[in-house]
Amino acid sequence: MVRAAEGELPAWAAVADESRRWHLASVAASLDRWARDLGLSDSDRARWRAAGWLHDALRDAPPESFDPAVAPTWPALLRHGPAVAGRLAAEGVEDAELLNALAYHSTGHPELGALGCFLVLADYLEPGRGFLPGWRAALRAQLPERCDSVLRQVAAARISHAVQRGYALLPETVAFWNGIAGGAGPGGASEPGSRKARGGGAG
């Protein structure tokens, strides 16, 4: 994971082209900055950077190349997260919080820890994305201090997008929303970004 934290991707991530790697670098930079502002340790900052570099490492791989057991009921475009988590687990990575963050960064999950919540935000609010640049910049400016509020807005926007296009919502997404809709973060925490003590452990 040390090499991933510095932007050196695994051999199986060769499918990520230059534009994809730019996105990965940008997400990793945001996560590193927020982890620093939250006062996390150097080792946890490295974990957060690694999550940024790895989250979309298989985004451009053909879904049929994934293990059939990886999220078989999910839409093809969402299976890259679980595929990355599965590859890392098979290589011996046991960091449950990191693996969950990677697996569910596109969908949300009620058991996401602080890393997972901030990865959801860093991915969606990445400056290189072209849609609603002013709104997304305003949300980025509130981080990491107002993670709970920004997370609700981002989750609501993603769900609204899916509903408007007639997509079915995954159970994980519904449970994620239900966990944050009342002002609490996943797992009932009032502020995901404040859970500094969990930065180094599995969530």
Protein backbone atom coordinates (compact mmCIF):
# COMPACT_ATOMS: atom_id res chain seq x y z
CA MET A 1 0.00 0.00 0.00
CA VAL A 2 2.98 2.29 0.47
CA ARG A 3 3.65 2.29 -3.28
CA ALA A 4 -0.02 2.97 -4.03
CA ALA A 5 0.05 5.93 -1.64
CA GLU A 6 2.76 7.46 -3.81
CA GLY A 7 0.89 6.84 -7.06
CA GLU A 8 2.50 3.54 -8.10
CA LEU A 9 -0.43 1.38 -9.16
CA PRO A 10 -0.47 -2.44 -9.21
CA ALA A 11 0.23 -4.20 -12.50
CA TRP A 12 -3.45 -5.14 -12.81
CA ALA A 13 -4.32 -1.44 -12.94
CA ALA A 14 -2.52 -0.91 -16.25
CA VAL A 15 -5.93 -0.34 -17.85
CA ALA A 16 -6.02 3.13 -16.25
CA ASP A 17 -5.01 5.61 -18.95
CA GLU A 18 -3.50 9.08 -18.53
CA SER A 19 -6.82 10.87 -18.02
CA ARG A 20 -7.93 8.30 -15.47
CA ARG A 21 -4.65 8.63 -13.61
CA TRP A 22 -5.12 12.40 -13.51
CA HIS A 23 -8.47 11.82 -11.78
CA LEU A 24 -6.89 9.35 -9.34
CA ALA A 25 -4.10 11.82 -8.52
CA SER A 26 -6.59 14.62 -7.94
CA VAL A 27 -8.75 12.51 -5.62
CA ALA A 28 -5.66 11.33 -3.72
CA ALA A 29 -4.50 14.94 -3.29
CA SER A 30 -7.86 16.01 -1.86
CA LEU A 31 -7.88 13.09 0.58
CA ASP A 32 -4.33 13.83 1.69
CA ARG A 33 -5.17 17.49 2.29
CA TRP A 34 -8.31 16.68 4.30
CA ALA A 35 -6.50 14.01 6.33
CA ARG A 36 -3.81 16.56 7.15
CA ASP A 37 -6.39 19.16 8.16
CA LEU A 38 -8.09 16.59 10.39
CA GLY A 39 -4.80 15.98 12.17
CA LEU A 40 -4.36 12.37 11.09
CA SER A 41 -1.00 10.64 11.36
CA ASP A 42 1.41 10.28 8.46
CA SER A 43 0.52 6.59 8.17
CA ASP A 44 -3.18 7.37 7.95
CA ARG A 45 -2.55 10.10 5.40
CA ALA A 46 -0.78 7.45 3.34
CA ARG A 47 -3.81 5.14 3.65
CA TRP A 48 -6.11 7.93 2.47
CA ARG A 49 -3.84 8.72 -0.49
CA ALA A 50 -3.75 5.05 -1.40
CA ALA A 51 -7.55 4.96 -1.42
CA GLY A 52 -7.59 7.91 -3.80
CA TRP A 53 -5.11 6.31 -6.18
CA LEU A 54 -6.82 2.90 -6.15
CA HIS A 55 -10.56 3.66 -6.11
CA ASP A 56 -11.03 3.84 -9.90
CA ALA A 57 -8.01 1.74 -10.88
CA LEU A 58 -10.30 -0.74 -12.70
CA ARG A 59 -12.89 1.78 -13.87
CA ASP A 60 -11.91 1.25 -17.50
CA ALA A 61 -11.58 -2.54 -17.33
CA PRO A 62 -14.31 -4.53 -19.13
CA PRO A 63 -16.80 -5.76 -16.48
CA GLU A 64 -16.63 -9.26 -17.95
CA SER A 65 -12.99 -9.41 -16.81
CA PHE A 66 -14.07 -9.26 -13.17
CA ASP A 67 -14.58 -12.32 -11.01
CA PRO A 68 -18.25 -13.35 -11.47
CA ALA A 69 -18.60 -13.41 -7.68
CA VAL A 70 -17.83 -9.68 -7.44
CA ALA A 71 -21.11 -7.83 -6.84
CA PRO A 72 -22.98 -10.02 -9.37
CA THR A 73 -26.30 -8.16 -8.93
CA TRP A 74 -24.79 -4.69 -9.36
CA PRO A 75 -24.89 -2.71 -12.63
CA ALA A 76 -21.73 -3.25 -14.65
CA LEU A 77 -20.59 0.38 -14.29
CA LEU A 78 -20.50 0.09 -10.49
CA ARG A 79 -18.57 -3.16 -10.17
CA HIS A 80 -15.09 -1.66 -10.44
CA GLY A 81 -15.01 -0.69 -6.76
CA PRO A 82 -15.72 -4.18 -5.42
CA ALA A 83 -13.32 -5.55 -8.05
CA VAL A 84 -10.47 -3.38 -6.74
CA ALA A 85 -11.26 -4.34 -3.15
CA GLY A 86 -11.34 -8.00 -4.14
CA ARG A 87 -7.98 -7.82 -5.90
CA LEU A 88 -6.36 -6.18 -2.89
CA ALA A 89 -7.91 -8.66 -0.44
CA ALA A 90 -6.60 -11.52 -2.57
CA GLU A 91 -3.13 -9.96 -2.35
CA GLY A 92 -3.30 -9.98 1.44
CA VAL A 93 -4.61 -6.51 2.30
CA GLU A 94 -6.61 -6.80 5.54
CA ASP A 95 -7.47 -3.14 6.17
CA ALA A 96 -11.27 -3.48 6.36
CA GLU A 97 -11.96 0.26 6.43
CA LEU A 98 -9.86 0.81 3.30
CA LEU A 99 -11.39 -2.16 1.47
CA ASN A 100 -14.93 -1.01 2.31
CA ALA A 101 -14.12 2.51 1.16
CA LEU A 102 -12.91 1.22 -2.20
CA ALA A 103 -15.78 -1.23 -2.66
CA TYR A 104 -18.55 1.25 -1.88
CA HIS A 105 -17.21 4.61 -3.06
CA SER A 106 -19.75 4.69 -5.92
CA THR A 107 -22.74 3.46 -3.94
CA GLY A 108 -22.31 4.34 -0.30
CA HIS A 109 -22.74 1.87 2.53
CA PRO A 110 -24.07 2.26 6.09
CA GLU A 111 -20.82 0.93 7.57
CA LEU A 112 -18.44 3.31 5.82
CA GLY A 113 -15.91 4.91 8.16
CA ALA A 114 -14.41 8.37 7.85
CA LEU A 115 -12.12 7.27 5.01
CA GLY A 116 -15.05 5.89 3.03
CA CYS A 117 -17.15 9.01 3.53
CA PHE A 118 -14.36 11.30 2.42
CA LEU A 119 -13.58 9.09 -0.58
CA VAL A 120 -17.22 9.40 -1.68
CA LEU A 121 -16.82 13.17 -1.46
CA ALA A 122 -13.39 13.41 -3.08
CA ASP A 123 -14.54 11.32 -6.05
CA TYR A 124 -17.78 13.22 -6.65
CA LEU A 125 -16.32 16.68 -6.01
CA GLU A 126 -13.09 16.15 -7.98
CA PRO A 127 -12.33 19.49 -9.68
CA GLY A 128 -11.79 17.94 -13.13
CA ARG A 129 -15.41 16.89 -13.46
CA GLY A 130 -17.35 19.21 -15.73
CA PHE A 131 -20.83 19.28 -14.21
CA LEU A 132 -22.06 22.00 -11.82
CA PRO A 133 -18.56 23.39 -11.20
CA GLY A 134 -19.67 26.30 -9.02
CA TRP A 135 -21.86 24.19 -6.74
CA ARG A 136 -19.21 21.52 -6.35
CA ALA A 137 -16.50 24.10 -5.64
CA ALA A 138 -18.69 25.59 -2.91
CA LEU A 139 -19.08 22.16 -1.33
CA ARG A 140 -15.33 21.48 -1.50
CA ALA A 141 -14.69 24.77 0.29
CA GLN A 142 -16.65 23.47 3.31
CA LEU A 143 -14.43 20.42 3.78
CA PRO A 144 -13.25 18.81 5.90
CA GLU A 145 -15.07 20.71 8.66
CA ARG A 146 -18.64 20.22 7.43
CA CYS A 147 -18.38 16.66 6.19
CA ASP A 148 -21.82 15.60 7.46
CA SER A 149 -23.68 18.38 5.67
CA VAL A 150 -21.72 18.02 2.42
CA LEU A 151 -22.12 14.24 2.48
CA ARG A 152 -25.91 14.56 2.69
CA GLN A 153 -25.94 16.98 -0.26
CA VAL A 154 -23.72 14.76 -2.39
CA ALA A 155 -25.69 11.61 -1.56
CA ALA A 156 -28.96 13.38 -2.33
CA ALA A 157 -27.61 14.60 -5.68
CA ARG A 158 -26.42 11.13 -6.68
CA ILE A 159 -29.70 9.51 -5.68
CA SER A 160 -31.73 12.17 -7.50
CA HIS A 161 -29.65 11.60 -10.63
CA ALA A 162 -30.33 7.86 -10.47
CA VAL A 163 -34.06 8.29 -9.84
CA GLN A 164 -34.47 10.80 -12.67
CA ARG A 165 -32.98 8.27 -15.07
CA GLY A 166 -35.11 5.44 -13.81
CA TYR A 167 -32.28 3.46 -12.24
CA ALA A 168 -32.98 1.10 -9.37
CA LEU A 169 -31.30 2.02 -6.10
CA LEU A 170 -29.07 -0.59 -4.55
CA PRO A 171 -29.94 -1.64 -0.97
CA GLU A 172 -26.53 -0.40 0.14
CA THR A 173 -27.30 3.07 -1.22
CA VAL A 174 -30.69 3.21 0.47
CA ALA A 175 -29.20 2.13 3.79
CA PHE A 176 -26.41 4.68 3.40
CA TRP A 177 -28.91 7.46 2.84
CA ASN A 178 -31.08 6.38 5.74
CA GLY A 179 -28.00 6.49 7.97
CA ILE A 180 -27.12 10.09 7.09
CA ALA A 181 -30.51 11.67 6.33
CA GLY A 182 -31.22 12.57 9.94
CA GLY A 183 -27.98 14.46 10.42
CA ALA A 184 -25.90 11.51 11.58
CA GLY A 185 -23.11 9.89 9.64
CA PRO A 186 -23.08 6.18 8.82
CA GLY A 187 -23.14 4.12 11.98
CA GLY A 188 -24.87 6.94 13.86
CA ALA A 189 -21.88 9.26 14.23
CA SER A 190 -22.77 12.93 14.11
CA GLU A 191 -19.68 13.96 12.13
CA PRO A 192 -17.74 11.44 10.04
CA GLY A 193 -14.77 13.78 9.76
CA SER A 194 -14.39 14.00 13.51
CA ARG A 195 -13.73 10.31 14.05
CA LYS A 196 -9.97 10.75 14.16
CA ALA A 197 -9.49 7.80 16.47
CA ARG A 198 -10.75 5.46 13.76
CA GLY A 199 -8.28 6.70 11.19
CA GLY A 200 -5.79 3.93 11.81
CA GLY A 201 -8.13 1.03 12.38
CA ALA A 202 -10.52 -1.12 10.45
CA GLY A 203 -14.01 0.23 10.28
